[in-house]
Amino acid sequence: MGHRLRLPIRLAWLLVVGLAWPLIAGADLVVIVHPDNPLKALQPRQVSDLYLGRTRQFAGADVTAQPALVYEQPSGSVVRQRFFSALNGMEIKQVNAYWARLRFSGEVLPPPILADSLAVREAVSQDRMAIGYIDAALLNASVKPVLRLKD
């Protein structure tokens, strides 16, 4: 009798996952800044340069005199994997190897890692020079999107 109950539960689970997966997997990512940041938009190359330590300042804005505060997602997060894949086609192992080389050379340190997208959104909302990326579903008025990335 217990065996008969497992099948409907499994089917219900598969139905829930099957219906939710397109929403999870297909959601856009947004690169965000503080609402008072004068940037209107960034190009993917500009964001890539910030996240790979090639530049430390926002390009083409009134805020260029100060360094950007770049916030990163956890290294094993799906959001981070999707971000680098959509931004510049890099896999996480490539990103990690890139930062390992830079760290070893002492040239530059990787961006600080925050707990999740909510923490990134909160941190960016508190600092005019901050930049981060989150799932577009978490976008609210506390931050301003400057780039939308599609999977």
N, C-alpha and C. Protein backbone atom coordinates (compact mmCIF):
# COMPACT_ATOMS: atom_id res chain seq x y z
N MET A 1 0.82 -1.19 0.00
CA MET A 1 0.00 0.00 0.00
C MET A 1 0.87 1.27 0.00
N GLY A 2 1.95 1.27 0.77
CA GLY A 2 2.87 2.40 0.79
C GLY A 2 3.47 2.65 -0.57
N HIS A 3 3.68 1.57 -1.33
CA HIS A 3 4.25 1.70 -2.66
C HIS A 3 3.32 2.47 -3.58
N ARG A 4 2.00 2.26 -3.41
CA ARG A 4 1.01 2.94 -4.26
C ARG A 4 0.99 4.44 -3.98
N LEU A 5 1.29 4.83 -2.75
CA LEU A 5 1.28 6.25 -2.40
C LEU A 5 2.51 6.97 -2.93
N ARG A 6 3.60 6.26 -3.07
CA ARG A 6 4.84 6.88 -3.55
C ARG A 6 4.73 7.37 -4.99
N LEU A 7 4.05 6.62 -5.81
CA LEU A 7 3.92 7.00 -7.21
C LEU A 7 3.22 8.35 -7.38
N PRO A 8 2.05 8.59 -6.76
CA PRO A 8 1.44 9.92 -6.90
C PRO A 8 2.31 11.04 -6.35
N ILE A 9 3.03 10.78 -5.28
CA ILE A 9 3.91 11.81 -4.72
C ILE A 9 5.04 12.12 -5.69
N ARG A 10 5.61 11.10 -6.27
CA ARG A 10 6.68 11.31 -7.25
C ARG A 10 6.16 12.06 -8.48
N LEU A 11 4.97 11.68 -8.94
CA LEU A 11 4.38 12.36 -10.09
C LEU A 11 4.10 13.82 -9.78
N ALA A 12 3.59 14.08 -8.57
CA ALA A 12 3.33 15.47 -8.18
C ALA A 12 4.63 16.26 -8.12
N TRP A 13 5.69 15.66 -7.59
CA TRP A 13 7.00 16.32 -7.51
C TRP A 13 7.53 16.64 -8.91
N LEU A 14 7.43 15.68 -9.80
CA LEU A 14 7.89 15.89 -11.17
C LEU A 14 7.08 17.00 -11.86
N LEU A 15 5.78 17.04 -11.58
CA LEU A 15 4.94 18.07 -12.16
C LEU A 15 5.36 19.45 -11.65
N VAL A 16 5.59 19.58 -10.35
CA VAL A 16 5.99 20.85 -9.76
C VAL A 16 7.33 21.30 -10.34
N VAL A 17 8.31 20.40 -10.35
CA VAL A 17 9.63 20.72 -10.88
C VAL A 17 9.53 21.04 -12.37
N GLY A 18 8.76 20.27 -13.09
CA GLY A 18 8.61 20.49 -14.53
C GLY A 18 7.99 21.84 -14.85
N LEU A 19 7.03 22.26 -14.05
CA LEU A 19 6.40 23.56 -14.28
C LEU A 19 7.28 24.72 -13.84
N ALA A 20 8.03 24.52 -12.76
CA ALA A 20 8.85 25.61 -12.23
C ALA A 20 10.17 25.76 -12.97
N TRP A 21 10.70 24.70 -13.55
CA TRP A 21 12.02 24.75 -14.16
C TRP A 21 12.17 25.83 -15.22
N PRO A 22 11.19 25.99 -16.14
CA PRO A 22 11.36 27.07 -17.13
C PRO A 22 11.45 28.45 -16.49
N LEU A 23 10.76 28.64 -15.39
CA LEU A 23 10.84 29.93 -14.70
C LEU A 23 12.20 30.14 -14.07
N ILE A 24 12.74 29.07 -13.48
CA ILE A 24 14.04 29.16 -12.81
C ILE A 24 15.16 29.25 -13.85
N ALA A 25 15.16 28.35 -14.78
CA ALA A 25 16.26 28.25 -15.74
C ALA A 25 16.26 29.40 -16.75
N GLY A 26 15.08 29.93 -17.08
CA GLY A 26 15.02 30.93 -18.12
C GLY A 26 14.98 32.36 -17.62
N ALA A 27 15.08 32.55 -16.32
CA ALA A 27 15.00 33.91 -15.78
C ALA A 27 16.24 34.71 -16.17
N ASP A 28 16.02 35.96 -16.49
CA ASP A 28 17.13 36.85 -16.82
C ASP A 28 17.91 37.21 -15.58
N LEU A 29 19.12 37.64 -15.79
CA LEU A 29 19.94 38.22 -14.73
C LEU A 29 20.08 39.70 -15.03
N VAL A 30 20.20 40.50 -13.97
CA VAL A 30 20.41 41.93 -14.16
C VAL A 30 21.64 42.36 -13.38
N VAL A 31 22.42 43.23 -14.01
CA VAL A 31 23.54 43.88 -13.34
C VAL A 31 22.95 45.14 -12.74
N ILE A 32 23.24 45.35 -11.46
CA ILE A 32 22.60 46.45 -10.73
C ILE A 32 23.63 47.39 -10.11
N VAL A 33 23.20 48.64 -9.96
CA VAL A 33 23.98 49.66 -9.27
C VAL A 33 23.03 50.40 -8.32
N HIS A 34 23.59 51.26 -7.51
CA HIS A 34 22.80 52.09 -6.60
C HIS A 34 21.95 53.05 -7.44
N PRO A 35 20.73 53.35 -6.99
CA PRO A 35 19.87 54.26 -7.77
C PRO A 35 20.48 55.65 -8.01
N ASP A 36 21.35 56.10 -7.12
CA ASP A 36 21.97 57.42 -7.29
C ASP A 36 23.21 57.40 -8.18
N ASN A 37 23.62 56.23 -8.62
CA ASN A 37 24.74 56.14 -9.55
C ASN A 37 24.29 56.74 -10.88
N PRO A 38 25.06 57.65 -11.48
CA PRO A 38 24.63 58.30 -12.72
C PRO A 38 24.62 57.40 -13.96
N LEU A 39 25.15 56.21 -13.86
CA LEU A 39 25.15 55.31 -15.01
C LEU A 39 23.72 55.01 -15.45
N LYS A 40 23.51 55.02 -16.74
CA LYS A 40 22.22 54.63 -17.31
C LYS A 40 22.25 53.19 -17.80
N ALA A 41 23.42 52.80 -18.34
CA ALA A 41 23.58 51.45 -18.88
C ALA A 41 25.06 51.12 -18.97
N LEU A 42 25.35 49.84 -18.96
CA LEU A 42 26.70 49.35 -19.19
C LEU A 42 26.66 48.31 -20.30
N GLN A 43 27.74 48.21 -21.04
CA GLN A 43 27.89 47.19 -22.07
C GLN A 43 28.46 45.92 -21.42
N PRO A 44 28.19 44.76 -22.00
CA PRO A 44 28.73 43.52 -21.42
C PRO A 44 30.25 43.57 -21.22
N ARG A 45 30.97 44.15 -22.16
CA ARG A 45 32.44 44.23 -22.04
C ARG A 45 32.85 45.04 -20.81
N GLN A 46 32.15 46.12 -20.53
CA GLN A 46 32.46 46.95 -19.36
C GLN A 46 32.24 46.16 -18.07
N VAL A 47 31.15 45.43 -18.01
CA VAL A 47 30.85 44.62 -16.82
C VAL A 47 31.88 43.51 -16.68
N SER A 48 32.21 42.86 -17.78
CA SER A 48 33.22 41.80 -17.76
C SER A 48 34.55 42.34 -17.25
N ASP A 49 34.94 43.51 -17.72
CA ASP A 49 36.21 44.10 -17.27
C ASP A 49 36.20 44.38 -15.77
N LEU A 50 35.08 44.82 -15.23
CA LEU A 50 34.97 45.03 -13.78
C LEU A 50 35.06 43.72 -13.02
N TYR A 51 34.34 42.70 -13.49
CA TYR A 51 34.29 41.42 -12.78
C TYR A 51 35.55 40.57 -12.95
N LEU A 52 36.37 40.91 -13.94
CA LEU A 52 37.63 40.19 -14.11
C LEU A 52 38.83 41.02 -13.66
N GLY A 53 38.56 42.14 -13.01
CA GLY A 53 39.63 42.95 -12.44
C GLY A 53 40.45 43.71 -13.46
N ARG A 54 39.98 43.81 -14.69
CA ARG A 54 40.73 44.54 -15.72
C ARG A 54 40.60 46.05 -15.57
N THR A 55 39.54 46.47 -14.93
CA THR A 55 39.34 47.87 -14.60
C THR A 55 38.71 47.93 -13.21
N ARG A 56 38.91 49.05 -12.57
CA ARG A 56 38.37 49.20 -11.22
C ARG A 56 37.39 50.35 -11.12
N GLN A 57 37.13 51.00 -12.24
CA GLN A 57 36.26 52.16 -12.22
C GLN A 57 35.17 52.03 -13.28
N PHE A 58 34.04 52.67 -13.00
CA PHE A 58 32.97 52.72 -13.99
C PHE A 58 33.43 53.59 -15.16
N ALA A 59 33.10 53.18 -16.36
CA ALA A 59 33.51 53.93 -17.55
C ALA A 59 32.40 54.89 -17.98
N GLY A 60 32.81 56.08 -18.36
CA GLY A 60 31.88 57.03 -18.95
C GLY A 60 30.84 57.59 -18.02
N ALA A 61 31.18 57.76 -16.76
CA ALA A 61 30.20 58.32 -15.82
C ALA A 61 30.87 59.36 -14.94
N ASP A 62 30.06 60.11 -14.24
CA ASP A 62 30.57 61.13 -13.33
C ASP A 62 31.21 60.52 -12.08
N VAL A 63 31.15 59.22 -11.94
CA VAL A 63 31.66 58.56 -10.74
C VAL A 63 33.03 57.94 -10.95
N THR A 64 33.69 58.24 -12.06
CA THR A 64 34.94 57.56 -12.41
C THR A 64 36.11 57.90 -11.50
N ALA A 65 36.01 58.93 -10.69
CA ALA A 65 37.12 59.30 -9.81
C ALA A 65 37.29 58.30 -8.66
N GLN A 66 36.26 57.53 -8.37
CA GLN A 66 36.32 56.56 -7.28
C GLN A 66 36.24 55.15 -7.85
N PRO A 67 36.88 54.20 -7.17
CA PRO A 67 36.79 52.81 -7.66
C PRO A 67 35.40 52.22 -7.45
N ALA A 68 35.01 51.36 -8.35
CA ALA A 68 33.75 50.64 -8.21
C ALA A 68 33.91 49.57 -7.14
N LEU A 69 32.87 49.34 -6.38
CA LEU A 69 32.86 48.27 -5.39
C LEU A 69 32.07 47.12 -5.99
N VAL A 70 32.79 46.12 -6.45
CA VAL A 70 32.20 45.00 -7.18
C VAL A 70 31.87 43.88 -6.19
N TYR A 71 30.60 43.45 -6.19
CA TYR A 71 30.17 42.35 -5.33
C TYR A 71 29.93 41.11 -6.16
N GLU A 72 30.34 39.98 -5.61
CA GLU A 72 30.28 38.70 -6.30
C GLU A 72 29.35 37.73 -5.58
N GLN A 73 28.81 36.80 -6.34
CA GLN A 73 27.98 35.72 -5.80
C GLN A 73 28.90 34.57 -5.35
N PRO A 74 28.40 33.65 -4.51
CA PRO A 74 29.22 32.51 -4.09
C PRO A 74 29.74 31.69 -5.28
N SER A 75 30.94 31.14 -5.12
CA SER A 75 31.62 30.48 -6.25
C SER A 75 30.86 29.29 -6.81
N GLY A 76 30.09 28.59 -6.02
CA GLY A 76 29.36 27.43 -6.53
C GLY A 76 27.92 27.71 -6.89
N SER A 77 27.52 28.97 -6.89
CA SER A 77 26.10 29.28 -7.11
C SER A 77 25.72 29.18 -8.58
N VAL A 78 24.49 28.79 -8.81
CA VAL A 78 23.96 28.71 -10.17
C VAL A 78 23.89 30.10 -10.79
N VAL A 79 23.57 31.10 -9.97
CA VAL A 79 23.50 32.47 -10.48
C VAL A 79 24.85 32.90 -11.03
N ARG A 80 25.92 32.58 -10.33
CA ARG A 80 27.27 32.96 -10.80
C ARG A 80 27.61 32.22 -12.10
N GLN A 81 27.28 30.95 -12.16
CA GLN A 81 27.53 30.19 -13.38
C GLN A 81 26.79 30.79 -14.57
N ARG A 82 25.51 31.11 -14.37
CA ARG A 82 24.70 31.70 -15.43
C ARG A 82 25.25 33.08 -15.83
N PHE A 83 25.70 33.85 -14.85
CA PHE A 83 26.21 35.20 -15.12
C PHE A 83 27.41 35.15 -16.05
N PHE A 84 28.43 34.40 -15.70
CA PHE A 84 29.64 34.38 -16.53
C PHE A 84 29.39 33.72 -17.88
N SER A 85 28.53 32.74 -17.91
CA SER A 85 28.19 32.11 -19.18
C SER A 85 27.50 33.10 -20.11
N ALA A 86 26.52 33.85 -19.58
CA ALA A 86 25.79 34.81 -20.40
C ALA A 86 26.63 36.04 -20.72
N LEU A 87 27.48 36.45 -19.79
CA LEU A 87 28.27 37.68 -19.97
C LEU A 87 29.38 37.52 -20.99
N ASN A 88 30.18 36.47 -20.83
CA ASN A 88 31.33 36.33 -21.72
C ASN A 88 31.64 34.88 -22.12
N GLY A 89 30.69 33.99 -21.89
CA GLY A 89 30.85 32.60 -22.31
C GLY A 89 31.82 31.79 -21.49
N MET A 90 32.22 32.30 -20.34
CA MET A 90 33.19 31.59 -19.49
C MET A 90 32.49 30.59 -18.57
N GLU A 91 33.11 29.44 -18.41
CA GLU A 91 32.67 28.47 -17.40
C GLU A 91 33.31 28.85 -16.08
N ILE A 92 32.69 28.41 -14.99
CA ILE A 92 33.19 28.76 -13.66
C ILE A 92 34.61 28.28 -13.45
N LYS A 93 34.97 27.12 -13.97
CA LYS A 93 36.35 26.64 -13.79
C LYS A 93 37.34 27.58 -14.47
N GLN A 94 36.95 28.19 -15.59
CA GLN A 94 37.82 29.17 -16.26
C GLN A 94 37.95 30.44 -15.41
N VAL A 95 36.83 30.89 -14.84
CA VAL A 95 36.85 32.08 -13.99
C VAL A 95 37.73 31.83 -12.77
N ASN A 96 37.56 30.67 -12.15
CA ASN A 96 38.37 30.34 -10.97
C ASN A 96 39.85 30.25 -11.31
N ALA A 97 40.19 29.66 -12.44
CA ALA A 97 41.59 29.57 -12.85
C ALA A 97 42.16 30.96 -13.14
N TYR A 98 41.38 31.80 -13.76
CA TYR A 98 41.78 33.17 -14.06
C TYR A 98 42.13 33.90 -12.77
N TRP A 99 41.23 33.83 -11.77
CA TRP A 99 41.47 34.51 -10.51
C TRP A 99 42.61 33.89 -9.73
N ALA A 100 42.80 32.59 -9.84
CA ALA A 100 43.93 31.94 -9.16
C ALA A 100 45.25 32.49 -9.69
N ARG A 101 45.35 32.68 -11.00
CA ARG A 101 46.57 33.25 -11.59
C ARG A 101 46.80 34.68 -11.11
N LEU A 102 45.74 35.48 -11.11
CA LEU A 102 45.89 36.86 -10.67
C LEU A 102 46.24 36.96 -9.19
N ARG A 103 45.61 36.12 -8.40
CA ARG A 103 45.89 36.10 -6.96
C ARG A 103 47.35 35.72 -6.71
N PHE A 104 47.83 34.72 -7.44
CA PHE A 104 49.21 34.26 -7.29
C PHE A 104 50.20 35.36 -7.67
N SER A 105 49.86 36.11 -8.71
CA SER A 105 50.75 37.18 -9.16
C SER A 105 50.70 38.39 -8.22
N GLY A 106 49.66 38.47 -7.41
CA GLY A 106 49.52 39.59 -6.48
C GLY A 106 49.02 40.86 -7.14
N GLU A 107 48.60 40.78 -8.39
CA GLU A 107 48.17 41.97 -9.13
C GLU A 107 46.88 42.55 -8.58
N VAL A 108 45.89 41.71 -8.37
CA VAL A 108 44.57 42.19 -7.96
C VAL A 108 43.85 41.06 -7.23
N LEU A 109 42.98 41.43 -6.32
CA LEU A 109 42.18 40.44 -5.58
C LEU A 109 40.79 40.33 -6.20
N PRO A 110 40.18 39.15 -6.11
CA PRO A 110 38.82 39.01 -6.65
C PRO A 110 37.83 39.82 -5.82
N PRO A 111 36.67 40.09 -6.40
CA PRO A 111 35.65 40.86 -5.67
C PRO A 111 35.18 40.12 -4.41
N PRO A 112 34.73 40.86 -3.40
CA PRO A 112 34.19 40.21 -2.21
C PRO A 112 32.96 39.37 -2.55
N ILE A 113 32.86 38.21 -1.94
CA ILE A 113 31.75 37.29 -2.18
C ILE A 113 30.71 37.47 -1.08
N LEU A 114 29.48 37.67 -1.49
CA LEU A 114 28.38 37.78 -0.54
C LEU A 114 27.56 36.48 -0.56
N ALA A 115 26.67 36.34 0.40
CA ALA A 115 25.97 35.07 0.62
C ALA A 115 25.05 34.66 -0.52
N ASP A 116 24.33 35.61 -1.11
CA ASP A 116 23.36 35.28 -2.15
C ASP A 116 22.89 36.56 -2.83
N SER A 117 21.92 36.42 -3.73
CA SER A 117 21.43 37.58 -4.48
C SER A 117 20.78 38.62 -3.58
N LEU A 118 20.10 38.19 -2.54
CA LEU A 118 19.49 39.16 -1.62
C LEU A 118 20.55 39.99 -0.91
N ALA A 119 21.63 39.34 -0.52
CA ALA A 119 22.74 40.06 0.13
C ALA A 119 23.40 41.02 -0.85
N VAL A 120 23.56 40.61 -2.09
CA VAL A 120 24.13 41.48 -3.12
C VAL A 120 23.24 42.69 -3.34
N ARG A 121 21.94 42.45 -3.47
CA ARG A 121 21.01 43.57 -3.67
C ARG A 121 21.06 44.54 -2.50
N GLU A 122 21.09 44.02 -1.29
CA GLU A 122 21.15 44.87 -0.09
C GLU A 122 22.44 45.68 -0.06
N ALA A 123 23.57 45.05 -0.33
CA ALA A 123 24.85 45.75 -0.31
C ALA A 123 24.91 46.84 -1.38
N VAL A 124 24.44 46.55 -2.58
CA VAL A 124 24.45 47.53 -3.66
C VAL A 124 23.53 48.71 -3.32
N SER A 125 22.43 48.42 -2.66
CA SER A 125 21.48 49.49 -2.31
C SER A 125 22.06 50.44 -1.26
N GLN A 126 23.14 50.04 -0.60
CA GLN A 126 23.73 50.85 0.47
C GLN A 126 24.94 51.68 0.04
N ASP A 127 25.45 51.47 -1.18
CA ASP A 127 26.69 52.14 -1.59
C ASP A 127 26.58 52.64 -3.03
N ARG A 128 26.75 53.93 -3.22
CA ARG A 128 26.62 54.55 -4.54
C ARG A 128 27.62 54.00 -5.55
N MET A 129 28.74 53.48 -5.10
CA MET A 129 29.78 52.98 -6.00
C MET A 129 29.73 51.46 -6.21
N ALA A 130 28.70 50.82 -5.68
CA ALA A 130 28.62 49.36 -5.75
C ALA A 130 27.98 48.87 -7.04
N ILE A 131 28.36 47.66 -7.42
CA ILE A 131 27.77 46.98 -8.57
C ILE A 131 27.66 45.50 -8.21
N GLY A 132 26.61 44.87 -8.69
CA GLY A 132 26.39 43.45 -8.45
C GLY A 132 25.49 42.89 -9.53
N TYR A 133 25.17 41.62 -9.40
CA TYR A 133 24.22 41.01 -10.33
C TYR A 133 23.31 40.07 -9.54
N ILE A 134 22.05 40.04 -9.97
CA ILE A 134 21.04 39.23 -9.30
C ILE A 134 20.08 38.67 -10.33
N ASP A 135 19.26 37.74 -9.91
CA ASP A 135 18.17 37.26 -10.75
C ASP A 135 17.19 38.41 -10.94
N ALA A 136 16.71 38.59 -12.15
CA ALA A 136 15.82 39.70 -12.46
C ALA A 136 14.55 39.68 -11.62
N ALA A 137 14.13 38.53 -11.17
CA ALA A 137 12.92 38.42 -10.34
C ALA A 137 13.08 39.14 -9.01
N LEU A 138 14.31 39.38 -8.58
CA LEU A 138 14.58 40.04 -7.30
C LEU A 138 14.77 41.55 -7.43
N LEU A 139 14.65 42.06 -8.62
CA LEU A 139 14.83 43.49 -8.86
C LEU A 139 13.73 44.28 -8.15
N ASN A 140 14.14 45.36 -7.45
CA ASN A 140 13.17 46.26 -6.83
C ASN A 140 13.72 47.69 -6.91
N ALA A 141 13.02 48.63 -6.30
CA ALA A 141 13.38 50.04 -6.41
C ALA A 141 14.62 50.42 -5.62
N SER A 142 15.15 49.52 -4.81
CA SER A 142 16.34 49.85 -4.01
C SER A 142 17.62 49.84 -4.84
N VAL A 143 17.55 49.32 -6.07
CA VAL A 143 18.70 49.25 -6.97
C VAL A 143 18.25 49.61 -8.38
N LYS A 144 19.23 49.86 -9.25
CA LYS A 144 18.93 50.25 -10.63
C LYS A 144 19.61 49.28 -11.58
N PRO A 145 18.86 48.70 -12.53
CA PRO A 145 19.49 47.80 -13.51
C PRO A 145 20.23 48.60 -14.58
N VAL A 146 21.43 48.12 -14.95
CA VAL A 146 22.21 48.79 -16.00
C VAL A 146 22.54 47.83 -17.15
N LEU A 147 22.24 46.55 -16.97
CA LEU A 147 22.46 45.55 -18.02
C LEU A 147 21.59 44.34 -17.72
N ARG A 148 20.90 43.85 -18.73
CA ARG A 148 20.09 42.63 -18.60
C ARG A 148 20.76 41.53 -19.42
N LEU A 149 20.96 40.39 -18.79
CA LEU A 149 21.59 39.25 -19.47
C LEU A 149 20.59 38.12 -19.60
N LYS A 150 20.52 37.55 -20.78
CA LYS A 150 19.63 36.41 -21.02
C LYS A 150 20.45 35.13 -21.09
N ASP A 151 19.90 34.07 -20.55
CA ASP A 151 20.57 32.76 -20.61
C ASP A 151 20.64 32.24 -22.02
